[in-house]
Protein backbone atom coordinates (compact mmCIF):
# COMPACT_ATOMS: atom_id res chain seq x y z
CA MET A 1 16.24 24.22 -4.16
CA LYS A 2 12.34 24.69 -5.20
CA PHE A 3 10.14 22.87 -4.95
CA PRO A 4 7.15 23.31 -7.26
CA GLY A 5 3.53 22.27 -6.10
CA ASN A 6 4.68 22.31 -2.31
CA THR A 7 2.86 25.62 -2.14
CA ALA A 8 -0.29 24.45 -4.16
CA PRO A 9 -3.55 24.84 -1.71
CA VAL A 10 -4.22 21.16 0.12
CA THR A 11 -6.91 19.30 -1.74
CA LYS A 12 -9.81 17.48 0.24
CA GLU A 13 -8.71 14.24 -1.86
CA GLU A 14 -4.99 14.78 -0.92
CA VAL A 15 -5.93 14.79 2.98
CA HIS A 16 -8.21 11.45 2.71
CA ARG A 17 -5.43 9.65 0.70
CA VAL A 18 -3.13 10.08 3.23
CA VAL A 19 -6.00 9.69 6.18
CA MET A 20 -6.34 6.03 4.13
CA SER A 21 -2.60 5.15 4.09
CA MET A 22 -2.05 5.74 7.87
CA LYS A 23 -2.62 2.64 10.42
CA SER A 24 -5.97 2.80 11.94
CA PHE A 25 -4.66 1.81 15.39
CA LYS A 26 -2.09 3.64 17.15
CA ALA A 27 -1.32 4.99 20.62
CA LEU A 28 -3.46 7.63 21.36
CA GLY A 29 -2.30 11.24 21.34
CA PRO A 30 -3.67 14.04 23.67
CA ASP A 31 -6.78 14.49 21.47
CA GLY A 32 -8.17 10.66 22.31
CA PHE A 33 -8.46 9.66 18.53
CA GLN A 34 -7.56 6.95 16.35
CA LEU A 35 -6.94 6.92 12.72
CA PHE A 36 -9.70 4.50 12.36
CA PHE A 37 -12.21 6.93 13.59
CA PHE A 38 -11.55 9.12 11.24
CA LYS A 39 -11.49 6.34 8.36
CA LYS A 40 -14.90 4.84 9.53
CA TYR A 41 -16.69 8.39 9.62
CA TRP A 42 -14.87 10.32 7.00
CA PRO A 43 -18.27 11.50 5.32
CA ILE A 44 -19.24 13.08 8.35
CA VAL A 45 -15.75 14.49 10.19
CA GLY A 46 -13.53 15.14 6.39
CA ASP A 47 -14.39 18.41 5.83
CA GLU A 48 -13.51 19.84 9.23
CA LEU A 49 -10.36 17.67 9.22
CA TRP A 50 -9.57 18.97 5.50
CA ARG A 51 -10.19 23.02 6.06
CA THR A 52 -7.55 22.16 9.42
CA VAL A 53 -4.82 20.81 7.34
CA LYS A 54 -5.45 23.67 4.93
CA ASP A 55 -5.52 26.18 7.12
CA ALA A 56 -2.31 25.03 8.83
CA PHE A 57 -0.55 25.17 5.11
CA ARG A 58 -2.10 28.34 4.28
CA LEU A 59 -2.11 30.37 7.82
CA GLY A 60 -0.19 28.63 10.07
CA PHE A 61 -1.00 27.21 13.50
CA SER A 62 -3.77 29.52 14.84
CA ASP A 63 -4.83 26.97 17.26
CA SER A 64 -1.79 25.58 19.54
CA SER A 65 -3.56 22.65 20.71
CA LEU A 66 -2.88 20.99 17.50
CA LEU A 67 0.99 20.82 18.44
CA GLU A 68 0.52 19.30 21.80
CA THR A 69 1.92 16.27 22.42
CA GLN A 70 2.62 13.21 25.11
CA MET A 71 5.51 12.03 26.12
CA VAL A 72 6.16 8.58 26.55
CA LEU A 73 9.77 6.83 28.37
CA ILE A 74 10.07 3.48 26.47
CA PRO A 75 13.00 1.58 28.51
CA LYS A 76 15.65 0.05 26.11
CA VAL A 77 16.76 -2.47 28.85
CA ASP A 78 15.14 -4.58 31.11
CA HIS A 79 16.09 -2.83 34.30
CA PRO A 80 16.35 1.01 33.66
CA VAL A 81 18.24 3.22 36.20
CA SER A 82 18.58 6.09 34.36
CA LEU A 83 17.13 8.57 31.86
CA LYS A 84 19.36 7.63 29.38
CA GLU A 85 18.21 4.17 29.29
CA PHE A 86 14.85 5.60 28.04
CA ARG A 87 13.77 5.91 24.59
CA PRO A 88 11.32 9.27 24.54
CA ILE A 89 8.31 8.57 22.15
CA SER A 90 5.90 11.64 21.02
CA LEU A 91 2.45 10.91 20.79
CA CYS A 92 0.74 13.40 18.59
CA ASN A 93 -2.82 14.85 17.95
CA VAL A 94 -4.17 13.16 14.64
CA ALA A 95 -4.47 16.16 12.73
CA TRP A 96 -0.78 17.06 13.33
CA LYS A 97 0.12 13.55 11.89
CA VAL A 98 -2.37 13.85 9.02
CA ILE A 99 -0.19 17.61 8.42
CA SER A 100 3.20 16.33 8.35
CA LYS A 101 2.19 13.32 6.22
CA VAL A 102 0.90 15.54 3.70
CA LEU A 103 3.98 17.31 4.36
CA VAL A 104 6.50 14.36 4.00
CA ALA A 105 4.34 13.47 0.66
CA ARG A 106 5.25 16.50 -1.17
CA LEU A 107 8.97 16.31 -0.08
CA ARG A 108 9.23 12.62 -0.87
CA PRO A 109 10.34 13.46 -4.87
CA PHE A 110 12.72 16.02 -3.70
CA LEU A 111 14.43 13.84 -1.59
CA PRO A 112 17.29 12.36 -3.15
CA GLY A 113 18.38 16.19 -3.79
CA ILE A 114 18.06 16.98 -0.17
CA ILE A 115 19.60 14.32 1.67
CA GLY A 116 23.62 13.63 1.03
CA PRO A 117 24.96 10.30 -0.18
CA PHE A 118 25.85 9.58 3.29
CA GLN A 119 22.59 9.29 4.71
CA GLY A 120 21.04 6.01 5.06
CA SER A 121 17.76 6.50 5.50
CA PHE A 122 14.52 8.13 3.87
CA ILE A 123 15.58 7.24 0.46
CA PRO A 124 14.38 4.73 -1.07
CA GLY A 125 17.05 1.39 -2.14
CA ARG A 126 19.15 2.42 1.03
CA GLY A 127 19.19 0.71 4.48
CA THR A 128 20.48 -0.58 7.27
CA ARG A 129 22.06 -3.38 5.70
CA ASP A 130 24.50 -1.54 3.38
CA HIS A 131 25.87 0.87 6.18
CA SER A 132 26.28 -2.03 8.34
CA ILE A 133 28.43 -3.47 5.73
CA ILE A 134 30.80 -0.90 5.16
CA ALA A 135 31.32 0.06 8.96
CA GLN A 136 31.96 -3.38 9.79
CA GLU A 137 34.45 -3.51 6.87
CA ALA A 138 35.86 -0.44 8.14
CA PHE A 139 36.47 -1.74 11.49
CA HIS A 140 38.28 -4.88 10.33
CA PHE A 141 40.44 -2.39 8.60
CA ILE A 142 41.00 -0.50 11.44
CA ARG A 143 41.68 -2.73 13.69
CA LYS A 144 43.73 -5.25 11.78
CA GLU A 145 47.21 -5.79 12.77
CA GLY A 146 49.96 -3.40 10.77
CA SER A 147 47.67 -0.91 9.62
CA HIS A 148 47.95 2.90 9.57
CA PRO A 149 46.84 4.60 12.54
CA LEU A 150 43.72 6.05 11.72
CA SER A 151 40.46 7.20 12.82
CA PRO A 152 38.54 7.79 15.91
CA TYR A 153 35.29 6.15 15.04
CA LEU A 154 32.92 8.98 16.84
CA PHE A 155 29.36 7.86 17.62
CA VAL A 156 26.92 10.67 17.71
CA PHE A 157 23.31 11.68 17.14
CA CYS A 158 23.53 14.67 14.72
CA MET A 159 21.56 16.14 11.75
CA GLU A 160 22.13 16.14 7.75
CA ARG A 161 23.47 19.58 8.42
CA LEU A 162 26.92 18.06 9.98
CA ALA A 163 27.31 15.87 7.45
CA LEU A 164 26.97 18.96 5.21
CA ARG A 165 29.76 20.98 6.98
CA ILE A 166 31.91 17.59 6.90
CA SER A 167 31.84 17.01 3.01
CA GLU A 168 32.78 20.99 2.84
CA LEU A 169 35.68 20.48 5.22
CA LEU A 170 36.71 17.42 2.94
CA GLN A 171 36.70 19.11 -0.17
CA GLU A 172 38.93 22.25 1.44
CA GLY A 173 41.48 19.30 2.56
CA ARG A 174 40.90 19.56 6.34
CA TRP A 175 39.38 16.62 6.91
CA LYS A 176 41.33 13.93 6.68
CA PRO A 177 39.16 10.68 5.88
CA ILE A 178 40.27 7.23 5.65
CA LYS A 179 40.65 4.86 2.67
CA LEU A 180 39.91 0.83 3.16
CA SER A 181 41.98 -0.11 0.23
CA PRO A 182 44.76 2.21 -2.05
CA GLY A 183 42.97 4.32 -4.21
CA GLY A 184 39.45 3.34 -2.25
CA PHE A 185 36.89 5.90 -1.99
CA PRO A 186 37.30 7.98 1.18
CA LEU A 187 35.29 7.64 3.67
CA SER A 188 34.28 10.16 5.66
CA HIS A 189 30.89 9.85 7.82
CA LEU A 190 28.05 7.39 7.40
CA PHE A 191 24.64 8.92 8.43
CA PHE A 192 21.07 6.49 9.09
CA ALA A 193 18.57 9.02 9.87
CA ASP A 194 20.76 11.03 13.18
CA ASP A 195 23.06 8.21 14.00
CA ILE A 196 26.41 9.24 12.97
CA LEU A 197 29.67 7.47 12.47
CA LEU A 198 33.02 9.60 11.58
CA PHE A 199 35.77 8.42 10.27
CA CYS A 200 39.41 10.62 10.30
CA GLN A 201 43.21 10.15 11.07
CA ALA A 202 44.07 9.79 14.71
CA SER A 203 45.83 12.97 15.19
CA ASP A 204 45.56 15.94 17.34
CA ASP A 205 44.19 18.33 14.71
CA GLN A 206 41.56 16.13 13.32
CA ALA A 207 40.75 15.46 17.30
CA ARG A 208 40.76 19.28 17.67
CA LEU A 209 39.01 19.58 14.04
CA VAL A 210 35.95 17.18 15.17
CA ALA A 211 35.36 18.65 18.56
CA SER A 212 35.16 22.37 16.94
CA ILE A 213 32.56 20.91 14.56
CA LEU A 214 30.10 19.35 17.32
CA GLU A 215 30.45 22.59 19.42
CA ALA A 216 29.68 24.87 16.26
CA PHE A 217 26.93 22.32 15.27
CA SER A 218 25.70 22.88 19.01
CA ARG A 219 25.68 26.54 19.20
CA SER A 220 23.91 26.82 15.85
CA SER A 221 21.23 24.37 15.78
CA GLY A 222 20.80 24.22 19.94
CA LEU A 223 21.22 20.31 19.78
CA ARG A 224 23.65 19.17 22.21
CA VAL A 225 25.23 16.13 21.41
CA ASN A 226 25.14 13.50 23.96
CA LEU A 227 29.22 12.83 24.66
CA SER A 228 27.86 10.06 27.21
CA LYS A 229 26.71 7.86 24.50
CA SER A 230 29.57 8.56 21.92
CA LYS A 231 33.06 6.36 21.99
CA PHE A 232 36.00 6.06 19.93
CA VAL A 233 38.02 3.92 18.68
CA SER A 234 41.06 3.81 17.22
CA SER A 235 43.63 1.40 15.71
CA ARG A 236 46.17 -1.06 17.57
CA ARG A 237 49.10 1.09 15.96
CA VAL A 238 47.90 4.00 18.03
CA PRO A 239 50.30 4.30 21.63
CA GLN A 240 48.33 4.70 24.65
CA ARG A 241 49.48 8.55 25.27
CA ARG A 242 47.95 9.69 22.10
CA ILE A 243 44.47 7.86 23.02
CA ASP A 244 44.53 9.51 26.26
CA ILE A 245 45.33 13.13 23.98
CA LEU A 246 42.36 12.31 21.48
CA GLY A 247 40.08 11.27 24.32
CA GLY A 248 40.74 14.76 25.88
CA TRP A 249 40.68 16.53 22.99
CA LEU A 250 37.32 14.76 21.96
CA GLY A 251 35.95 14.66 25.34
CA ILE A 252 34.06 10.69 25.20
CA GLY A 253 35.90 7.86 26.23
CA HIS A 254 37.74 5.00 23.93
CA THR A 255 36.58 1.97 23.59
CA ALA A 256 38.53 -1.45 22.26
CA ARG A 257 34.81 -2.99 20.98
CA ILE A 258 32.71 -0.51 18.75
CA GLY A 259 29.49 -2.71 20.17
CA LYS A 260 26.70 -1.94 17.79
CA TYR A 261 25.65 -0.17 14.87
CA LEU A 262 22.34 0.06 13.77
CA GLY A 263 21.33 -2.98 16.00
CA VAL A 264 24.26 -4.98 14.27
CA PRO A 265 27.71 -5.92 16.35
CA MET A 266 30.48 -4.46 14.83
CA THR A 267 33.08 -7.38 15.04
CA HIS A 268 37.03 -7.64 14.00
CA GLY A 269 37.74 -11.57 13.72
CA GLN A 270 34.96 -14.23 13.76
CA PRO A 271 31.85 -13.22 15.68
CA ARG A 272 31.09 -14.50 19.02
CA CYS A 273 28.09 -16.04 20.49
CA ALA A 274 28.44 -13.16 23.23
CA ASP A 275 27.49 -10.75 20.29
CA PHE A 276 24.26 -12.41 19.78
CA TYR A 277 23.19 -12.99 23.53
CA ASP A 278 20.56 -10.29 22.48
CA VAL A 279 19.10 -12.39 19.82
CA MET A 280 18.90 -15.23 21.93
CA ASP A 281 17.41 -13.24 25.01
CA LYS A 282 14.64 -12.05 22.68
CA ILE A 283 13.49 -15.63 21.76
CA GLN A 284 13.98 -16.92 25.05
CA GLY A 285 11.55 -13.71 25.72
CA ARG A 286 8.66 -14.57 23.25
CA LEU A 287 9.29 -18.61 24.32
CA ALA A 288 8.24 -17.10 28.22
CA ALA A 289 5.42 -14.97 27.15
CA TRP A 290 3.70 -18.00 24.99
CA LYS A 291 1.88 -20.88 26.30
CA SER A 292 2.79 -23.63 24.09
CA LYS A 293 0.39 -26.50 25.84
CA LEU A 294 -2.39 -24.13 24.77
CA LEU A 295 -1.74 -24.12 20.97
CA ASN A 296 -1.98 -26.83 18.74
CA LYS A 297 0.87 -27.84 16.29
CA ALA A 298 -0.58 -25.57 13.71
CA GLY A 299 -0.61 -22.49 15.93
CA LYS A 300 3.19 -23.36 17.07
CA LEU A 301 4.37 -24.49 13.32
CA CYS A 302 2.70 -20.29 12.63
CA LEU A 303 4.38 -19.00 15.54
CA VAL A 304 7.76 -20.38 14.97
CA LYS A 305 7.78 -19.25 11.54
CA SER A 306 6.48 -15.87 11.93
CA THR A 307 8.85 -14.82 15.13
CA ILE A 308 11.52 -16.99 16.61
CA SER A 309 12.68 -17.92 13.18
CA SER A 310 12.63 -14.00 12.01
CA ILE A 311 14.00 -12.77 15.00
CA PRO A 312 18.00 -13.09 13.73
CA VAL A 313 17.77 -12.48 10.24
CA TYR A 314 18.12 -9.08 10.84
CA SER A 315 21.65 -9.68 12.09
CA MET A 316 22.26 -12.81 9.13
CA GLN A 317 21.91 -9.97 6.50
CA THR A 318 25.52 -8.84 7.16
CA LEU A 319 26.96 -11.54 9.43
CA TRP A 320 27.87 -14.85 9.87
CA LEU A 321 26.09 -16.68 13.17
CA PRO A 322 28.39 -18.61 14.95
CA GLN A 323 27.12 -22.23 14.81
CA ALA A 324 26.82 -22.11 18.35
CA VAL A 325 24.07 -19.88 18.44
CA CYS A 326 22.06 -21.21 14.98
CA THR A 327 21.51 -24.70 16.99
CA ARG A 328 20.75 -22.70 20.25
CA ILE A 329 17.64 -21.15 17.76
CA ASP A 330 17.26 -24.51 16.26
CA GLN A 331 16.88 -25.81 19.92
CA ALA A 332 14.00 -23.34 20.74
CA CYS A 333 12.38 -23.54 17.42
CA ARG A 334 12.20 -27.67 18.34
CA ARG A 335 11.11 -27.17 21.79
CA MET A 336 8.53 -24.66 20.84
CA LEU A 337 6.87 -27.09 18.22
CA TRP A 338 7.19 -30.56 20.08
CA ALA A 339 6.72 -30.01 23.55
CA ASN A 340 3.47 -30.52 25.13
CA SER A 341 4.18 -28.78 28.42
CA ASP A 342 6.49 -26.52 29.76
CA ASN A 343 8.84 -29.57 30.71
CA THR A 344 12.95 -29.39 29.42
CA ARG A 345 12.03 -33.12 28.44
CA PHE A 346 10.40 -33.89 24.97
CA TRP A 347 10.74 -36.30 22.01
CA PHE A 348 9.92 -35.24 18.32
CA PRO A 349 8.93 -38.14 16.28
CA VAL A 350 10.73 -36.24 12.94
CA SER A 351 14.19 -35.71 12.07
CA TRP A 352 14.78 -31.96 12.37
CA ASP A 353 16.40 -31.99 8.58
CA VAL A 354 13.09 -33.35 7.69
CA VAL A 355 10.85 -30.41 9.18
CA THR A 356 13.18 -27.94 7.63
CA GLN A 357 12.69 -28.77 4.23
CA PRO A 358 10.14 -27.23 2.05
CA THR A 359 6.92 -27.86 1.94
CA GLU A 360 6.79 -28.97 -1.47
CA PHE A 361 9.61 -31.84 0.06
CA GLY A 362 7.38 -33.27 2.92
CA GLY A 363 8.91 -30.91 5.02
CA LEU A 364 7.77 -27.77 7.39
CA GLY A 365 9.31 -24.83 5.65
CA LEU A 366 11.16 -24.03 8.63
């Protein structure tokens, strides 16, 4: 595929446009600068930054210090005890951020032709909601009683090259996908960035094929699949002996519940309150960080609208929250809005049904 214009010299206007589009205050890299400095003093430092970016595109990185990064480990859980419970974040120099941003801006018009149809990220119009819904439907199909013995679901962190190989095997007839309905679209994999779900029949040859593809991908790319973070789920009709054999071929463990995918719990049947404990914990964490007695009613209302009420919205895009969860969220909102101190007892002068009405009807718009 050709990318006309991507080899053209980088212009000063292009670099300036990229710098102004980036956030001013982010975590510092090894250079110790933030974008705000380059925005404010662009007439002074703009030419030097432009020459650095232009030379990087034309000659490569002659100064290796531009590629230096600082690694920061962000805990994924409250009390991490192992490295896998941390998320590594790389803090880069401003010059490298600008170089990569210019490259992305040039590639963006061509991304639909580069990234496959099963990839949900980086393409306008695609998002986590679509893949969450598809994964939810697939999980319902596989786990329901009487379904065909299909699939392990394999959670791995891989890349687009793996998806291309899977598509090739699908066209060759070697990969046996699943279908959610008679005559439906064959579902073999779902991508969002480097998170992937693999769908195939629960047979020995398919398990061996999956294992061999992942191993070949690791050898060719140098990226090792983290098997400790990978799980597979099978239909209820798959006997335990077959599950043990599949787990041996795949080198990963079996689970009855798929857990979360893209931050949304994958459930079969009605969602449970336990599936949304993290949502309620986030709300309680926000409340604990605020001192409600130091805020007036307008400040409390602003916080309730902007944070507490918005936390469950992401999950609600694809799932119906249990009534008990909704009740607890409403209780947290009421306590934040009406309580005068940290005491648990409080009274509210207006009915909650009135408070939740739109402002044009006399409510507070909650």
